[in-house]
N, C-alpha and C. Protein backbone atom coordinates (compact mmCIF):
# COMPACT_ATOMS: atom_id res chain seq x y z
N MET A 1 8.75 21.99 5.91
CA MET A 1 8.65 20.83 6.78
C MET A 1 10.06 20.24 6.95
N THR A 2 10.52 20.22 8.16
CA THR A 2 11.84 19.68 8.47
C THR A 2 11.67 18.29 9.05
N THR A 3 12.44 17.35 8.53
CA THR A 3 12.37 16.00 9.08
C THR A 3 13.52 15.79 10.04
N THR A 4 13.32 14.90 10.95
CA THR A 4 14.38 14.51 11.86
C THR A 4 14.82 13.11 11.47
N GLU A 5 15.61 12.51 12.29
CA GLU A 5 16.10 11.17 11.98
C GLU A 5 14.98 10.14 12.09
N VAL A 6 15.20 9.02 11.42
CA VAL A 6 14.24 7.92 11.53
C VAL A 6 14.26 7.44 12.96
N THR A 7 13.09 7.46 13.61
CA THR A 7 13.03 7.10 15.02
C THR A 7 12.64 5.65 15.25
N HIS A 8 12.07 5.04 14.22
CA HIS A 8 11.64 3.65 14.38
C HIS A 8 11.45 3.02 13.02
N LYS A 9 11.77 1.75 12.92
CA LYS A 9 11.54 1.00 11.69
C LYS A 9 10.70 -0.22 12.04
N VAL A 10 9.75 -0.52 11.17
CA VAL A 10 8.91 -1.70 11.34
C VAL A 10 9.11 -2.59 10.12
N LYS A 11 9.67 -3.77 10.34
CA LYS A 11 9.85 -4.71 9.24
C LYS A 11 8.50 -5.40 9.03
N LEU A 12 7.77 -4.94 8.05
CA LEU A 12 6.42 -5.41 7.81
C LEU A 12 6.42 -6.75 7.08
N VAL A 13 7.26 -6.85 6.05
CA VAL A 13 7.35 -8.07 5.25
C VAL A 13 8.80 -8.27 4.89
N ASP A 14 9.28 -9.49 4.99
CA ASP A 14 10.64 -9.80 4.58
C ASP A 14 10.76 -11.29 4.36
N GLY A 15 10.79 -11.68 3.11
CA GLY A 15 10.93 -13.10 2.86
C GLY A 15 10.66 -13.49 1.43
N LYS A 16 10.79 -14.81 1.18
CA LYS A 16 10.50 -15.38 -0.13
C LYS A 16 9.13 -16.03 -0.08
N PHE A 17 8.37 -15.84 -1.13
CA PHE A 17 7.01 -16.34 -1.19
C PHE A 17 6.75 -16.99 -2.54
N THR A 18 5.84 -17.95 -2.55
CA THR A 18 5.37 -18.45 -3.83
C THR A 18 4.62 -17.30 -4.50
N ALA A 19 4.37 -17.44 -5.80
CA ALA A 19 3.65 -16.38 -6.50
C ALA A 19 2.29 -16.13 -5.85
N MET A 20 1.58 -17.20 -5.50
CA MET A 20 0.25 -17.06 -4.90
C MET A 20 0.34 -16.39 -3.52
N GLU A 21 1.33 -16.77 -2.71
CA GLU A 21 1.50 -16.14 -1.39
C GLU A 21 1.82 -14.66 -1.54
N ALA A 22 2.70 -14.35 -2.49
CA ALA A 22 3.07 -12.95 -2.73
C ALA A 22 1.84 -12.15 -3.15
N LYS A 23 1.02 -12.74 -3.99
CA LYS A 23 -0.21 -12.06 -4.42
C LYS A 23 -1.08 -11.75 -3.22
N GLU A 24 -1.24 -12.71 -2.31
CA GLU A 24 -2.07 -12.51 -1.13
C GLU A 24 -1.49 -11.42 -0.22
N VAL A 25 -0.17 -11.44 -0.01
CA VAL A 25 0.47 -10.46 0.86
C VAL A 25 0.33 -9.06 0.29
N ILE A 26 0.72 -8.89 -0.96
CA ILE A 26 0.69 -7.57 -1.59
C ILE A 26 -0.73 -7.05 -1.71
N ASN A 27 -1.63 -7.89 -2.19
CA ASN A 27 -3.03 -7.44 -2.34
C ASN A 27 -3.65 -7.08 -1.00
N SER A 28 -3.33 -7.84 0.04
CA SER A 28 -3.87 -7.53 1.38
C SER A 28 -3.37 -6.18 1.87
N LEU A 29 -2.08 -5.90 1.68
CA LEU A 29 -1.52 -4.62 2.11
C LEU A 29 -2.13 -3.46 1.33
N ILE A 30 -2.22 -3.63 0.01
CA ILE A 30 -2.79 -2.57 -0.82
C ILE A 30 -4.27 -2.37 -0.49
N ASP A 31 -5.01 -3.47 -0.34
CA ASP A 31 -6.43 -3.37 -0.01
C ASP A 31 -6.64 -2.64 1.31
N GLU A 32 -5.77 -2.89 2.27
CA GLU A 32 -5.88 -2.23 3.57
C GLU A 32 -5.69 -0.72 3.43
N LYS A 33 -4.72 -0.31 2.61
CA LYS A 33 -4.49 1.12 2.39
C LYS A 33 -5.65 1.74 1.61
N ILE A 34 -6.19 1.03 0.63
CA ILE A 34 -7.35 1.53 -0.11
C ILE A 34 -8.51 1.75 0.85
N ASN A 35 -8.77 0.78 1.71
CA ASN A 35 -9.86 0.91 2.68
C ASN A 35 -9.62 2.08 3.63
N PHE A 36 -8.37 2.28 4.05
CA PHE A 36 -8.05 3.42 4.92
C PHE A 36 -8.46 4.73 4.25
N HIS A 37 -8.08 4.89 2.99
CA HIS A 37 -8.39 6.14 2.29
C HIS A 37 -9.88 6.29 2.02
N LYS A 38 -10.58 5.20 1.76
CA LYS A 38 -12.03 5.27 1.56
C LYS A 38 -12.74 5.68 2.85
N ILE A 39 -12.31 5.12 3.96
CA ILE A 39 -12.92 5.47 5.26
C ILE A 39 -12.57 6.91 5.62
N HIS A 40 -11.34 7.30 5.37
CA HIS A 40 -10.92 8.67 5.66
C HIS A 40 -11.74 9.65 4.82
N ARG A 41 -11.94 9.33 3.55
CA ARG A 41 -12.74 10.18 2.66
C ARG A 41 -14.17 10.30 3.17
N LEU A 42 -14.74 9.17 3.60
CA LEU A 42 -16.10 9.17 4.13
C LEU A 42 -16.19 10.01 5.40
N ALA A 43 -15.20 9.88 6.27
CA ALA A 43 -15.19 10.66 7.51
C ALA A 43 -15.10 12.16 7.22
N LEU A 44 -14.32 12.52 6.22
CA LEU A 44 -14.21 13.93 5.86
C LEU A 44 -15.53 14.49 5.35
N CYS A 45 -16.28 13.66 4.63
CA CYS A 45 -17.53 14.11 4.01
C CYS A 45 -18.70 14.15 4.98
N GLU A 46 -18.57 13.51 6.13
CA GLU A 46 -19.66 13.55 7.11
C GLU A 46 -19.89 14.99 7.53
N GLY A 47 -21.07 15.46 7.30
CA GLY A 47 -21.40 16.81 7.69
C GLY A 47 -21.07 17.87 6.65
N ASP A 48 -20.22 17.54 5.67
CA ASP A 48 -19.89 18.51 4.63
C ASP A 48 -19.53 17.76 3.35
N VAL A 49 -20.54 17.56 2.51
CA VAL A 49 -20.33 16.80 1.27
C VAL A 49 -19.44 17.54 0.28
N ASN A 50 -19.15 18.81 0.54
CA ASN A 50 -18.29 19.60 -0.35
C ASN A 50 -16.83 19.60 0.08
N THR A 51 -16.49 18.81 1.08
CA THR A 51 -15.12 18.72 1.56
C THR A 51 -14.21 18.22 0.45
N ASP A 52 -13.01 18.77 0.40
CA ASP A 52 -12.03 18.37 -0.62
C ASP A 52 -11.44 17.01 -0.26
N THR A 53 -11.72 16.03 -1.09
CA THR A 53 -11.18 14.67 -0.88
C THR A 53 -10.21 14.29 -2.00
N THR A 54 -9.63 15.29 -2.64
CA THR A 54 -8.75 15.05 -3.78
C THR A 54 -7.60 14.11 -3.43
N PHE A 55 -6.96 14.33 -2.28
CA PHE A 55 -5.82 13.49 -1.92
C PHE A 55 -6.24 12.04 -1.78
N ASP A 56 -7.29 11.78 -1.01
CA ASP A 56 -7.74 10.40 -0.81
C ASP A 56 -8.20 9.78 -2.13
N ASP A 57 -8.89 10.55 -2.95
CA ASP A 57 -9.34 10.05 -4.26
C ASP A 57 -8.15 9.63 -5.12
N SER A 58 -7.13 10.48 -5.15
CA SER A 58 -5.96 10.17 -5.98
C SER A 58 -5.18 8.98 -5.43
N ARG A 59 -5.09 8.87 -4.10
CA ARG A 59 -4.38 7.73 -3.50
C ARG A 59 -5.09 6.41 -3.80
N VAL A 60 -6.43 6.41 -3.74
CA VAL A 60 -7.18 5.19 -4.06
C VAL A 60 -6.89 4.79 -5.50
N GLY A 61 -6.94 5.74 -6.42
CA GLY A 61 -6.65 5.45 -7.82
C GLY A 61 -5.23 4.94 -8.02
N GLN A 62 -4.29 5.59 -7.35
CA GLN A 62 -2.88 5.19 -7.46
C GLN A 62 -2.68 3.78 -6.93
N LEU A 63 -3.26 3.49 -5.79
CA LEU A 63 -3.11 2.16 -5.19
C LEU A 63 -3.76 1.08 -6.05
N MET A 64 -4.87 1.40 -6.68
CA MET A 64 -5.51 0.42 -7.56
C MET A 64 -4.63 0.15 -8.79
N ARG A 65 -3.96 1.19 -9.29
CA ARG A 65 -3.02 0.98 -10.41
C ARG A 65 -1.83 0.15 -9.96
N GLU A 66 -1.33 0.40 -8.75
CA GLU A 66 -0.22 -0.40 -8.22
C GLU A 66 -0.61 -1.87 -8.10
N LYS A 67 -1.81 -2.10 -7.66
CA LYS A 67 -2.32 -3.47 -7.52
C LYS A 67 -2.35 -4.16 -8.88
N GLU A 68 -2.80 -3.44 -9.89
CA GLU A 68 -2.85 -3.99 -11.25
C GLU A 68 -1.44 -4.22 -11.80
N ASP A 69 -0.52 -3.29 -11.53
CA ASP A 69 0.87 -3.46 -11.96
C ASP A 69 1.48 -4.70 -11.32
N PHE A 70 1.19 -4.93 -10.05
CA PHE A 70 1.74 -6.10 -9.37
C PHE A 70 1.18 -7.39 -9.97
N ARG A 71 -0.03 -7.33 -10.46
CA ARG A 71 -0.66 -8.51 -11.08
C ARG A 71 0.24 -9.08 -12.19
N GLU A 72 0.86 -8.21 -12.97
CA GLU A 72 1.76 -8.64 -14.04
C GLU A 72 2.98 -9.37 -13.48
N ILE A 73 3.53 -8.86 -12.39
CA ILE A 73 4.69 -9.51 -11.75
C ILE A 73 4.28 -10.88 -11.21
N TYR A 74 3.13 -10.92 -10.55
CA TYR A 74 2.62 -12.18 -10.02
C TYR A 74 2.44 -13.21 -11.13
N LEU A 75 1.82 -12.80 -12.24
CA LEU A 75 1.59 -13.74 -13.34
C LEU A 75 2.88 -14.22 -13.96
N GLU A 76 3.85 -13.32 -14.08
CA GLU A 76 5.15 -13.71 -14.63
C GLU A 76 5.83 -14.75 -13.73
N ALA A 77 5.83 -14.52 -12.43
CA ALA A 77 6.43 -15.46 -11.49
C ALA A 77 5.69 -16.79 -11.51
N LYS A 78 4.39 -16.73 -11.57
CA LYS A 78 3.58 -17.96 -11.58
C LYS A 78 3.86 -18.77 -12.83
N ARG A 79 3.88 -18.12 -14.00
CA ARG A 79 4.16 -18.83 -15.26
C ARG A 79 5.53 -19.48 -15.26
N ALA A 80 6.52 -18.79 -14.66
CA ALA A 80 7.89 -19.29 -14.64
C ALA A 80 8.15 -20.25 -13.49
N GLY A 81 7.16 -20.42 -12.59
CA GLY A 81 7.36 -21.28 -11.43
C GLY A 81 8.39 -20.74 -10.46
N LYS A 82 8.49 -19.43 -10.37
CA LYS A 82 9.50 -18.80 -9.51
C LYS A 82 8.87 -18.23 -8.26
N GLN A 83 9.73 -17.94 -7.29
CA GLN A 83 9.30 -17.31 -6.05
C GLN A 83 9.47 -15.80 -6.17
N VAL A 84 8.86 -15.10 -5.23
CA VAL A 84 8.94 -13.64 -5.19
C VAL A 84 9.53 -13.25 -3.83
N ARG A 85 10.54 -12.41 -3.86
CA ARG A 85 11.12 -11.91 -2.61
C ARG A 85 10.53 -10.53 -2.36
N ILE A 86 10.04 -10.32 -1.15
CA ILE A 86 9.44 -9.04 -0.77
C ILE A 86 10.14 -8.50 0.46
N HIS A 87 10.60 -7.26 0.36
CA HIS A 87 11.16 -6.51 1.49
C HIS A 87 10.25 -5.33 1.72
N GLY A 88 9.76 -5.19 2.90
CA GLY A 88 8.90 -4.05 3.19
C GLY A 88 9.14 -3.54 4.59
N THR A 89 9.83 -2.42 4.67
CA THR A 89 10.13 -1.80 5.97
C THR A 89 9.52 -0.40 6.00
N LEU A 90 8.78 -0.12 7.05
CA LEU A 90 8.27 1.23 7.27
C LEU A 90 9.30 2.01 8.06
N GLU A 91 9.61 3.21 7.60
CA GLU A 91 10.51 4.10 8.34
C GLU A 91 9.65 5.20 8.92
N ILE A 92 9.74 5.38 10.23
CA ILE A 92 8.90 6.33 10.93
C ILE A 92 9.77 7.47 11.44
N GLU A 93 9.36 8.70 11.10
CA GLU A 93 10.10 9.90 11.51
C GLU A 93 9.14 10.86 12.21
N ILE A 94 9.68 11.60 13.15
CA ILE A 94 8.93 12.70 13.75
C ILE A 94 9.31 13.95 12.98
N ILE A 95 8.29 14.68 12.50
CA ILE A 95 8.57 15.86 11.68
C ILE A 95 7.94 17.10 12.29
N ASP A 96 8.43 18.26 11.85
CA ASP A 96 7.87 19.55 12.29
C ASP A 96 6.64 19.86 11.49
């Protein structure tokens, strides 16, 4: 698989947030990706319950672990009364 140059960037999140705001932003993004993979898995299984859903299954598990890992960061910021800075840029490439 050969990649080409980044053709587009989407600045999804960029800013400082209270701990609670950061929790809402991060959890919403992760939840959206979890739902994407659950729906994709369901679509794959329609008509063939033996379809390989290993990738989607592993991504859901990975994203749930990421969500739990972020919980520790959120709690630390909340306890310390600090803000959280989040940078989130999607880089989009056209590939072969």
